[in-house]
Amino acid sequence: TLESRAAAMEAARHVSEAISAEEEP
């Protein structure tokens, strides 16, 4: 649970950005 849409979207975006194209299944 996160307090806002912006916080949730930013957290999910942060995880995706940390995955390189080579690491992505």
mmCIF file of all heavy atoms, coordinates in Angstrom:
data_MODEL
# 
_entry.id   MODEL 
# 
loop_
_atom_site.group_PDB 
_atom_site.id 
_atom_site.type_symbol 
_atom_site.label_atom_id 
_atom_site.label_alt_id 
_atom_site.label_comp_id 
_atom_site.label_asym_id 
_atom_site.label_entity_id 
_atom_site.label_seq_id 
_atom_site.pdbx_PDB_ins_code 
_atom_site.Cartn_x 
_atom_site.Cartn_y 
_atom_site.Cartn_z 
_atom_site.occupancy 
_atom_site.B_iso_or_equiv 
_atom_site.pdbx_formal_charge 
_atom_site.auth_seq_id 
_atom_site.auth_comp_id 
_atom_site.auth_asym_id 
_atom_site.auth_atom_id 
_atom_site.pdbx_PDB_model_num 
ATOM 1   N N   . THR A 1 1  ? 0.839  -1.196  0.000   1.00 0.00 ? 1  THR A N   1 
ATOM 2   C CA  . THR A 1 1  ? 0.000  0.000   0.000   1.00 0.00 ? 1  THR A CA  1 
ATOM 3   C C   . THR A 1 1  ? 0.874  1.247   0.000   1.00 0.00 ? 1  THR A C   1 
ATOM 4   O O   . THR A 1 1  ? 1.817  1.345   0.793   1.00 0.00 ? 1  THR A O   1 
ATOM 5   C CB  . THR A 1 1  ? -0.924 0.012   1.235   1.00 0.00 ? 1  THR A CB  1 
ATOM 6   O OG1 . THR A 1 1  ? -1.731 -1.187  1.205   1.00 0.00 ? 1  THR A OG1 1 
ATOM 7   C CG2 . THR A 1 1  ? -1.828 1.220   1.243   1.00 0.00 ? 1  THR A CG2 1 
ATOM 8   N N   . LEU A 1 2  ? 0.540  2.183   -0.867  1.00 0.00 ? 2  LEU A N   1 
ATOM 9   C CA  . LEU A 1 2  ? 1.209  3.484   -0.911  1.00 0.00 ? 2  LEU A CA  1 
ATOM 10  C C   . LEU A 1 2  ? 0.152  4.568   -0.796  1.00 0.00 ? 2  LEU A C   1 
ATOM 11  O O   . LEU A 1 2  ? -1.026 4.345   -1.074  1.00 0.00 ? 2  LEU A O   1 
ATOM 12  C CB  . LEU A 1 2  ? 2.030  3.647   -2.178  1.00 0.00 ? 2  LEU A CB  1 
ATOM 13  C CG  . LEU A 1 2  ? 3.358  2.876   -2.118  1.00 0.00 ? 2  LEU A CG  1 
ATOM 14  C CD1 . LEU A 1 2  ? 3.206  1.477   -2.630  1.00 0.00 ? 2  LEU A CD1 1 
ATOM 15  C CD2 . LEU A 1 2  ? 4.439  3.612   -2.848  1.00 0.00 ? 2  LEU A CD2 1 
ATOM 16  N N   . GLU A 1 3  ? 0.597  5.756   -0.411  1.00 0.00 ? 3  GLU A N   1 
ATOM 17  C CA  . GLU A 1 3  ? -0.343 6.822   -0.074  1.00 0.00 ? 3  GLU A CA  1 
ATOM 18  C C   . GLU A 1 3  ? -0.982 7.510   -1.269  1.00 0.00 ? 3  GLU A C   1 
ATOM 19  O O   . GLU A 1 3  ? -2.030 8.138   -1.128  1.00 0.00 ? 3  GLU A O   1 
ATOM 20  C CB  . GLU A 1 3  ? 0.342  7.874   0.815   1.00 0.00 ? 3  GLU A CB  1 
ATOM 21  C CG  . GLU A 1 3  ? 1.446  8.671   0.125   1.00 0.00 ? 3  GLU A CG  1 
ATOM 22  C CD  . GLU A 1 3  ? 2.781  7.960   0.040   1.00 0.00 ? 3  GLU A CD  1 
ATOM 23  O OE1 . GLU A 1 3  ? 2.941  6.844   0.565   1.00 0.00 ? 3  GLU A OE1 1 
ATOM 24  O OE2 . GLU A 1 3  ? 3.686  8.535   -0.595  1.00 0.00 ? 3  GLU A OE2 1 
ATOM 25  N N   . SER A 1 4  ? -0.396 7.406   -2.448  1.00 0.00 ? 4  SER A N   1 
ATOM 26  C CA  . SER A 1 4  ? -0.961 8.133   -3.586  1.00 0.00 ? 4  SER A CA  1 
ATOM 27  C C   . SER A 1 4  ? -0.657 7.409   -4.892  1.00 0.00 ? 4  SER A C   1 
ATOM 28  O O   . SER A 1 4  ? 0.245  6.571   -4.963  1.00 0.00 ? 4  SER A O   1 
ATOM 29  C CB  . SER A 1 4  ? -0.383 9.552   -3.657  1.00 0.00 ? 4  SER A CB  1 
ATOM 30  O OG  . SER A 1 4  ? 0.992  9.506   -3.981  1.00 0.00 ? 4  SER A OG  1 
ATOM 31  N N   . ARG A 1 5  ? -1.390 7.787   -5.916  1.00 0.00 ? 5  ARG A N   1 
ATOM 32  C CA  . ARG A 1 5  ? -1.144 7.244   -7.249  1.00 0.00 ? 5  ARG A CA  1 
ATOM 33  C C   . ARG A 1 5  ? 0.266  7.605   -7.700  1.00 0.00 ? 5  ARG A C   1 
ATOM 34  O O   . ARG A 1 5  ? 0.993  6.772   -8.237  1.00 0.00 ? 5  ARG A O   1 
ATOM 35  C CB  . ARG A 1 5  ? -2.170 7.788   -8.237  1.00 0.00 ? 5  ARG A CB  1 
ATOM 36  C CG  . ARG A 1 5  ? -1.935 7.333   -9.662  1.00 0.00 ? 5  ARG A CG  1 
ATOM 37  C CD  . ARG A 1 5  ? -2.889 8.010   -10.657 1.00 0.00 ? 5  ARG A CD  1 
ATOM 38  N NE  . ARG A 1 5  ? -2.618 7.576   -12.001 1.00 0.00 ? 5  ARG A NE  1 
ATOM 39  C CZ  . ARG A 1 5  ? -1.677 8.089   -12.786 1.00 0.00 ? 5  ARG A CZ  1 
ATOM 40  N NH1 . ARG A 1 5  ? -0.897 9.062   -12.353 1.00 0.00 ? 5  ARG A NH1 1 
ATOM 41  N NH2 . ARG A 1 5  ? -1.495 7.625   -14.010 1.00 0.00 ? 5  ARG A NH2 1 
ATOM 42  N N   . ALA A 1 6  ? 0.655  8.850   -7.477  1.00 0.00 ? 6  ALA A N   1 
ATOM 43  C CA  . ALA A 1 6  ? 1.981  9.299   -7.907  1.00 0.00 ? 6  ALA A CA  1 
ATOM 44  C C   . ALA A 1 6  ? 3.079  8.472   -7.247  1.00 0.00 ? 6  ALA A C   1 
ATOM 45  O O   . ALA A 1 6  ? 4.041  8.069   -7.908  1.00 0.00 ? 6  ALA A O   1 
ATOM 46  C CB  . ALA A 1 6  ? 2.166  10.779  -7.596  1.00 0.00 ? 6  ALA A CB  1 
ATOM 47  N N   . ALA A 1 7  ? 2.947  8.206   -5.961  1.00 0.00 ? 7  ALA A N   1 
ATOM 48  C CA  . ALA A 1 7  ? 3.957  7.417   -5.248  1.00 0.00 ? 7  ALA A CA  1 
ATOM 49  C C   . ALA A 1 7  ? 3.999  5.989   -5.771  1.00 0.00 ? 7  ALA A C   1 
ATOM 50  O O   . ALA A 1 7  ? 5.082  5.419   -5.957  1.00 0.00 ? 7  ALA A O   1 
ATOM 51  C CB  . ALA A 1 7  ? 3.679  7.431   -3.746  1.00 0.00 ? 7  ALA A CB  1 
ATOM 52  N N   . ALA A 1 8  ? 2.840  5.391   -6.020  1.00 0.00 ? 8  ALA A N   1 
ATOM 53  C CA  . ALA A 1 8  ? 2.792  4.016   -6.520  1.00 0.00 ? 8  ALA A CA  1 
ATOM 54  C C   . ALA A 1 8  ? 3.361  3.918   -7.930  1.00 0.00 ? 8  ALA A C   1 
ATOM 55  O O   . ALA A 1 8  ? 4.157  3.025   -8.232  1.00 0.00 ? 8  ALA A O   1 
ATOM 56  C CB  . ALA A 1 8  ? 1.359  3.497   -6.482  1.00 0.00 ? 8  ALA A CB  1 
ATOM 57  N N   . MET A 1 9  ? 2.984  4.845   -8.793  1.00 0.00 ? 9  MET A N   1 
ATOM 58  C CA  . MET A 1 9  ? 3.493  4.827   -10.165 1.00 0.00 ? 9  MET A CA  1 
ATOM 59  C C   . MET A 1 9  ? 4.996  5.067   -10.180 1.00 0.00 ? 9  MET A C   1 
ATOM 60  O O   . MET A 1 9  ? 5.727  4.412   -10.931 1.00 0.00 ? 9  MET A O   1 
ATOM 61  C CB  . MET A 1 9  ? 2.773  5.879   -11.022 1.00 0.00 ? 9  MET A CB  1 
ATOM 62  C CG  . MET A 1 9  ? 1.299  5.575   -11.259 1.00 0.00 ? 9  MET A CG  1 
ATOM 63  S SD  . MET A 1 9  ? 1.009  4.118   -12.275 1.00 0.00 ? 9  MET A SD  1 
ATOM 64  C CE  . MET A 1 9  ? 1.265  4.816   -13.896 1.00 0.00 ? 9  MET A CE  1 
ATOM 65  N N   . GLU A 1 10 ? 5.486  5.972   -9.358  1.00 0.00 ? 10 GLU A N   1 
ATOM 66  C CA  . GLU A 1 10 ? 6.921  6.256   -9.301  1.00 0.00 ? 10 GLU A CA  1 
ATOM 67  C C   . GLU A 1 10 ? 7.697  5.041   -8.785  1.00 0.00 ? 10 GLU A C   1 
ATOM 68  O O   . GLU A 1 10 ? 8.759  4.708   -9.307  1.00 0.00 ? 10 GLU A O   1 
ATOM 69  C CB  . GLU A 1 10 ? 7.207  7.475   -8.436  1.00 0.00 ? 10 GLU A CB  1 
ATOM 70  C CG  . GLU A 1 10 ? 8.675  7.820   -8.313  1.00 0.00 ? 10 GLU A CG  1 
ATOM 71  C CD  . GLU A 1 10 ? 9.372  8.058   -9.648  1.00 0.00 ? 10 GLU A CD  1 
ATOM 72  O OE1 . GLU A 1 10 ? 8.729  8.550   -10.594 1.00 0.00 ? 10 GLU A OE1 1 
ATOM 73  O OE2 . GLU A 1 10 ? 10.578 7.751   -9.741  1.00 0.00 ? 10 GLU A OE2 1 
ATOM 74  N N   . ALA A 1 11 ? 7.174  4.371   -7.780  1.00 0.00 ? 11 ALA A N   1 
ATOM 75  C CA  . ALA A 1 11 ? 7.846  3.190   -7.241  1.00 0.00 ? 11 ALA A CA  1 
ATOM 76  C C   . ALA A 1 11 ? 7.913  2.082   -8.292  1.00 0.00 ? 11 ALA A C   1 
ATOM 77  O O   . ALA A 1 11 ? 8.962  1.464   -8.486  1.00 0.00 ? 11 ALA A O   1 
ATOM 78  C CB  . ALA A 1 11 ? 7.128  2.705   -5.987  1.00 0.00 ? 11 ALA A CB  1 
ATOM 79  N N   . ALA A 1 12 ? 6.808  1.826   -8.983  1.00 0.00 ? 12 ALA A N   1 
ATOM 80  C CA  . ALA A 1 12 ? 6.798  0.799   -10.025 1.00 0.00 ? 12 ALA A CA  1 
ATOM 81  C C   . ALA A 1 12 ? 7.722  1.196   -11.176 1.00 0.00 ? 12 ALA A C   1 
ATOM 82  O O   . ALA A 1 12 ? 8.451  0.354   -11.721 1.00 0.00 ? 12 ALA A O   1 
ATOM 83  C CB  . ALA A 1 12 ? 5.376  0.569   -10.524 1.00 0.00 ? 12 ALA A CB  1 
ATOM 84  N N   . ARG A 1 13 ? 7.717  2.456   -11.548 1.00 0.00 ? 13 ARG A N   1 
ATOM 85  C CA  . ARG A 1 13 ? 8.589  2.954   -12.612 1.00 0.00 ? 13 ARG A CA  1 
ATOM 86  C C   . ARG A 1 13 ? 10.063 2.782   -12.223 1.00 0.00 ? 13 ARG A C   1 
ATOM 87  O O   . ARG A 1 13 ? 10.889 2.372   -13.038 1.00 0.00 ? 13 ARG A O   1 
ATOM 88  C CB  . ARG A 1 13 ? 8.284  4.423   -12.898 1.00 0.00 ? 13 ARG A CB  1 
ATOM 89  C CG  . ARG A 1 13 ? 9.041  4.990   -14.081 1.00 0.00 ? 13 ARG A CG  1 
ATOM 90  C CD  . ARG A 1 13 ? 8.670  6.445   -14.384 1.00 0.00 ? 13 ARG A CD  1 
ATOM 91  N NE  . ARG A 1 13 ? 7.243  6.611   -14.648 1.00 0.00 ? 13 ARG A NE  1 
ATOM 92  C CZ  . ARG A 1 13 ? 6.375  7.208   -13.819 1.00 0.00 ? 13 ARG A CZ  1 
ATOM 93  N NH1 . ARG A 1 13 ? 6.778  7.725   -12.678 1.00 0.00 ? 13 ARG A NH1 1 
ATOM 94  N NH2 . ARG A 1 13 ? 5.105  7.318   -14.136 1.00 0.00 ? 13 ARG A NH2 1 
ATOM 95  N N   . HIS A 1 14 ? 10.370 3.081   -10.966 1.00 0.00 ? 14 HIS A N   1 
ATOM 96  C CA  . HIS A 1 14 ? 11.741 2.961   -10.464 1.00 0.00 ? 14 HIS A CA  1 
ATOM 97  C C   . HIS A 1 14 ? 12.252 1.525   -10.600 1.00 0.00 ? 14 HIS A C   1 
ATOM 98  O O   . HIS A 1 14 ? 13.392 1.295   -11.007 1.00 0.00 ? 14 HIS A O   1 
ATOM 99  C CB  . HIS A 1 14 ? 11.785 3.435   -9.004  1.00 0.00 ? 14 HIS A CB  1 
ATOM 100 C CG  . HIS A 1 14 ? 13.119 3.335   -8.358  1.00 0.00 ? 14 HIS A CG  1 
ATOM 101 N ND1 . HIS A 1 14 ? 14.181 4.131   -8.715  1.00 0.00 ? 14 HIS A ND1 1 
ATOM 102 C CD2 . HIS A 1 14 ? 13.574 2.521   -7.387  1.00 0.00 ? 14 HIS A CD2 1 
ATOM 103 C CE1 . HIS A 1 14 ? 15.237 3.809   -7.984  1.00 0.00 ? 14 HIS A CE1 1 
ATOM 104 N NE2 . HIS A 1 14 ? 14.893 2.826   -7.168  1.00 0.00 ? 14 HIS A NE2 1 
ATOM 105 N N   . VAL A 1 15 ? 11.418 0.559   -10.283 1.00 0.00 ? 15 VAL A N   1 
ATOM 106 C CA  . VAL A 1 15 ? 11.808 -0.845  -10.406 1.00 0.00 ? 15 VAL A CA  1 
ATOM 107 C C   . VAL A 1 15 ? 12.053 -1.194  -11.872 1.00 0.00 ? 15 VAL A C   1 
ATOM 108 O O   . VAL A 1 15 ? 13.073 -1.794  -12.220 1.00 0.00 ? 15 VAL A O   1 
ATOM 109 C CB  . VAL A 1 15 ? 10.745 -1.783  -9.784  1.00 0.00 ? 15 VAL A CB  1 
ATOM 110 C CG1 . VAL A 1 15 ? 11.048 -3.234  -10.106 1.00 0.00 ? 15 VAL A CG1 1 
ATOM 111 C CG2 . VAL A 1 15 ? 10.678 -1.574  -8.278  1.00 0.00 ? 15 VAL A CG2 1 
ATOM 112 N N   . SER A 1 16 ? 11.137 -0.802  -12.753 1.00 0.00 ? 16 SER A N   1 
ATOM 113 C CA  . SER A 1 16 ? 11.303 -1.102  -14.180 1.00 0.00 ? 16 SER A CA  1 
ATOM 114 C C   . SER A 1 16 ? 12.574 -0.487  -14.745 1.00 0.00 ? 16 SER A C   1 
ATOM 115 O O   . SER A 1 16 ? 13.280 -1.109  -15.546 1.00 0.00 ? 16 SER A O   1 
ATOM 116 C CB  . SER A 1 16 ? 10.095 -0.612  -14.979 1.00 0.00 ? 16 SER A CB  1 
ATOM 117 O OG  . SER A 1 16 ? 9.040  -1.524  -14.889 1.00 0.00 ? 16 SER A OG  1 
ATOM 118 N N   . GLU A 1 17 ? 12.862 0.733   -14.336 1.00 0.00 ? 17 GLU A N   1 
ATOM 119 C CA  . GLU A 1 17 ? 14.057 1.413   -14.853 1.00 0.00 ? 17 GLU A CA  1 
ATOM 120 C C   . GLU A 1 17 ? 15.344 0.754   -14.383 1.00 0.00 ? 17 GLU A C   1 
ATOM 121 O O   . GLU A 1 17 ? 16.388 0.900   -15.022 1.00 0.00 ? 17 GLU A O   1 
ATOM 122 C CB  . GLU A 1 17 ? 14.032 2.887   -14.451 1.00 0.00 ? 17 GLU A CB  1 
ATOM 123 C CG  . GLU A 1 17 ? 12.986 3.677   -15.200 1.00 0.00 ? 17 GLU A CG  1 
ATOM 124 C CD  . GLU A 1 17 ? 12.821 5.099   -14.692 1.00 0.00 ? 17 GLU A CD  1 
ATOM 125 O OE1 . GLU A 1 17 ? 13.422 5.452   -13.644 1.00 0.00 ? 17 GLU A OE1 1 
ATOM 126 O OE2 . GLU A 1 17 ? 12.079 5.858   -15.333 1.00 0.00 ? 17 GLU A OE2 1 
ATOM 127 N N   . ALA A 1 18 ? 15.289 0.015   -13.295 1.00 0.00 ? 18 ALA A N   1 
ATOM 128 C CA  . ALA A 1 18 ? 16.474 -0.653  -12.773 1.00 0.00 ? 18 ALA A CA  1 
ATOM 129 C C   . ALA A 1 18 ? 16.760 -1.973  -13.498 1.00 0.00 ? 18 ALA A C   1 
ATOM 130 O O   . ALA A 1 18 ? 17.812 -2.571  -13.299 1.00 0.00 ? 18 ALA A O   1 
ATOM 131 C CB  . ALA A 1 18 ? 16.309 -0.914  -11.275 1.00 0.00 ? 18 ALA A CB  1 
ATOM 132 N N   . ILE A 1 19 ? 15.838 -2.423  -14.343 1.00 0.00 ? 19 ILE A N   1 
ATOM 133 C CA  . ILE A 1 19 ? 15.999 -3.682  -15.081 1.00 0.00 ? 19 ILE A CA  1 
ATOM 134 C C   . ILE A 1 19 ? 16.520 -3.364  -16.481 1.00 0.00 ? 19 ILE A C   1 
ATOM 135 O O   . ILE A 1 19 ? 15.874 -2.657  -17.246 1.00 0.00 ? 19 ILE A O   1 
ATOM 136 C CB  . ILE A 1 19 ? 14.654 -4.430  -15.174 1.00 0.00 ? 19 ILE A CB  1 
ATOM 137 C CG1 . ILE A 1 19 ? 14.111 -4.729  -13.773 1.00 0.00 ? 19 ILE A CG1 1 
ATOM 138 C CG2 . ILE A 1 19 ? 14.806 -5.705  -15.999 1.00 0.00 ? 19 ILE A CG2 1 
ATOM 139 C CD1 . ILE A 1 19 ? 12.669 -5.182  -13.773 1.00 0.00 ? 19 ILE A CD1 1 
ATOM 140 N N   . SER A 1 20 ? 17.675 -3.891  -16.804 1.00 0.00 ? 20 SER A N   1 
ATOM 141 C CA  . SER A 1 20 ? 18.231 -3.657  -18.134 1.00 0.00 ? 20 SER A CA  1 
ATOM 142 C C   . SER A 1 20 ? 17.513 -4.536  -19.161 1.00 0.00 ? 20 SER A C   1 
ATOM 143 O O   . SER A 1 20 ? 16.867 -5.526  -18.810 1.00 0.00 ? 20 SER A O   1 
ATOM 144 C CB  . SER A 1 20 ? 19.724 -3.959  -18.146 1.00 0.00 ? 20 SER A CB  1 
ATOM 145 O OG  . SER A 1 20 ? 19.936 -5.345  -18.021 1.00 0.00 ? 20 SER A OG  1 
ATOM 146 N N   . ALA A 1 21 ? 17.669 -4.187  -20.419 1.00 0.00 ? 21 ALA A N   1 
ATOM 147 C CA  . ALA A 1 21 ? 17.059 -4.974  -21.489 1.00 0.00 ? 21 ALA A CA  1 
ATOM 148 C C   . ALA A 1 21 ? 17.586 -6.409  -21.474 1.00 0.00 ? 21 ALA A C   1 
ATOM 149 O O   . ALA A 1 21 ? 16.842 -7.351  -21.768 1.00 0.00 ? 21 ALA A O   1 
ATOM 150 C CB  . ALA A 1 21 ? 17.334 -4.318  -22.839 1.00 0.00 ? 21 ALA A CB  1 
ATOM 151 N N   . GLU A 1 22 ? 18.847 -6.581  -21.105 1.00 0.00 ? 22 GLU A N   1 
ATOM 152 C CA  . GLU A 1 22 ? 19.437 -7.923  -21.045 1.00 0.00 ? 22 GLU A CA  1 
ATOM 153 C C   . GLU A 1 22 ? 18.860 -8.745  -19.894 1.00 0.00 ? 22 GLU A C   1 
ATOM 154 O O   . GLU A 1 22 ? 18.799 -9.972  -19.976 1.00 0.00 ? 22 GLU A O   1 
ATOM 155 C CB  . GLU A 1 22 ? 20.962 -7.840  -20.897 1.00 0.00 ? 22 GLU A CB  1 
ATOM 156 C CG  . GLU A 1 22 ? 21.668 -7.237  -22.089 1.00 0.00 ? 22 GLU A CG  1 
ATOM 157 C CD  . GLU A 1 22 ? 21.569 -5.711  -22.127 1.00 0.00 ? 22 GLU A CD  1 
ATOM 158 O OE1 . GLU A 1 22 ? 21.490 -5.063  -21.058 1.00 0.00 ? 22 GLU A OE1 1 
ATOM 159 O OE2 . GLU A 1 22 ? 21.555 -5.162  -23.237 1.00 0.00 ? 22 GLU A OE2 1 
ATOM 160 N N   . GLU A 1 23 ? 18.486 -8.084  -18.818 1.00 0.00 ? 23 GLU A N   1 
ATOM 161 C CA  . GLU A 1 23 ? 17.941 -8.786  -17.645 1.00 0.00 ? 23 GLU A CA  1 
ATOM 162 C C   . GLU A 1 23 ? 16.462 -9.119  -17.798 1.00 0.00 ? 23 GLU A C   1 
ATOM 163 O O   . GLU A 1 23 ? 15.964 -10.040 -17.155 1.00 0.00 ? 23 GLU A O   1 
ATOM 164 C CB  . GLU A 1 23 ? 18.088 -7.917  -16.394 1.00 0.00 ? 23 GLU A CB  1 
ATOM 165 C CG  . GLU A 1 23 ? 19.492 -7.664  -15.958 1.00 0.00 ? 23 GLU A CG  1 
ATOM 166 C CD  . GLU A 1 23 ? 19.562 -6.659  -14.831 1.00 0.00 ? 23 GLU A CD  1 
ATOM 167 O OE1 . GLU A 1 23 ? 18.872 -5.611  -14.893 1.00 0.00 ? 23 GLU A OE1 1 
ATOM 168 O OE2 . GLU A 1 23 ? 20.304 -6.920  -13.866 1.00 0.00 ? 23 GLU A OE2 1 
ATOM 169 N N   . GLU A 1 24 ? 15.753 -8.380  -18.628 1.00 0.00 ? 24 GLU A N   1 
ATOM 170 C CA  . GLU A 1 24 ? 14.305 -8.576  -18.753 1.00 0.00 ? 24 GLU A CA  1 
ATOM 171 C C   . GLU A 1 24 ? 13.995 -9.902  -19.437 1.00 0.00 ? 24 GLU A C   1 
ATOM 172 O O   . GLU A 1 24 ? 14.494 -10.174 -20.528 1.00 0.00 ? 24 GLU A O   1 
ATOM 173 C CB  . GLU A 1 24 ? 13.675 -7.436  -19.553 1.00 0.00 ? 24 GLU A CB  1 
ATOM 174 C CG  . GLU A 1 24 ? 12.177 -7.580  -19.679 1.00 0.00 ? 24 GLU A CG  1 
ATOM 175 C CD  . GLU A 1 24 ? 11.520 -6.460  -20.457 1.00 0.00 ? 24 GLU A CD  1 
ATOM 176 O OE1 . GLU A 1 24 ? 12.204 -5.782  -21.242 1.00 0.00 ? 24 GLU A OE1 1 
ATOM 177 O OE2 . GLU A 1 24 ? 10.314 -6.266  -20.268 1.00 0.00 ? 24 GLU A OE2 1 
ATOM 178 N N   . PRO A 1 25 ? 13.164 -10.729 -18.805 1.00 0.00 ? 25 PRO A N   1 
ATOM 179 C CA  . PRO A 1 25 ? 12.771 -11.997 -19.432 1.00 0.00 ? 25 PRO A CA  1 
ATOM 180 C C   . PRO A 1 25 ? 11.995 -11.752 -20.728 1.00 0.00 ? 25 PRO A C   1 
ATOM 181 O O   . PRO A 1 25 ? 11.271 -10.761 -20.863 1.00 0.00 ? 25 PRO A O   1 
ATOM 182 C CB  . PRO A 1 25 ? 11.871 -12.657 -18.389 1.00 0.00 ? 25 PRO A CB  1 
ATOM 183 C CG  . PRO A 1 25 ? 12.198 -11.984 -17.105 1.00 0.00 ? 25 PRO A CG  1 
ATOM 184 C CD  . PRO A 1 25 ? 12.600 -10.579 -17.469 1.00 0.00 ? 25 PRO A CD  1 
# 
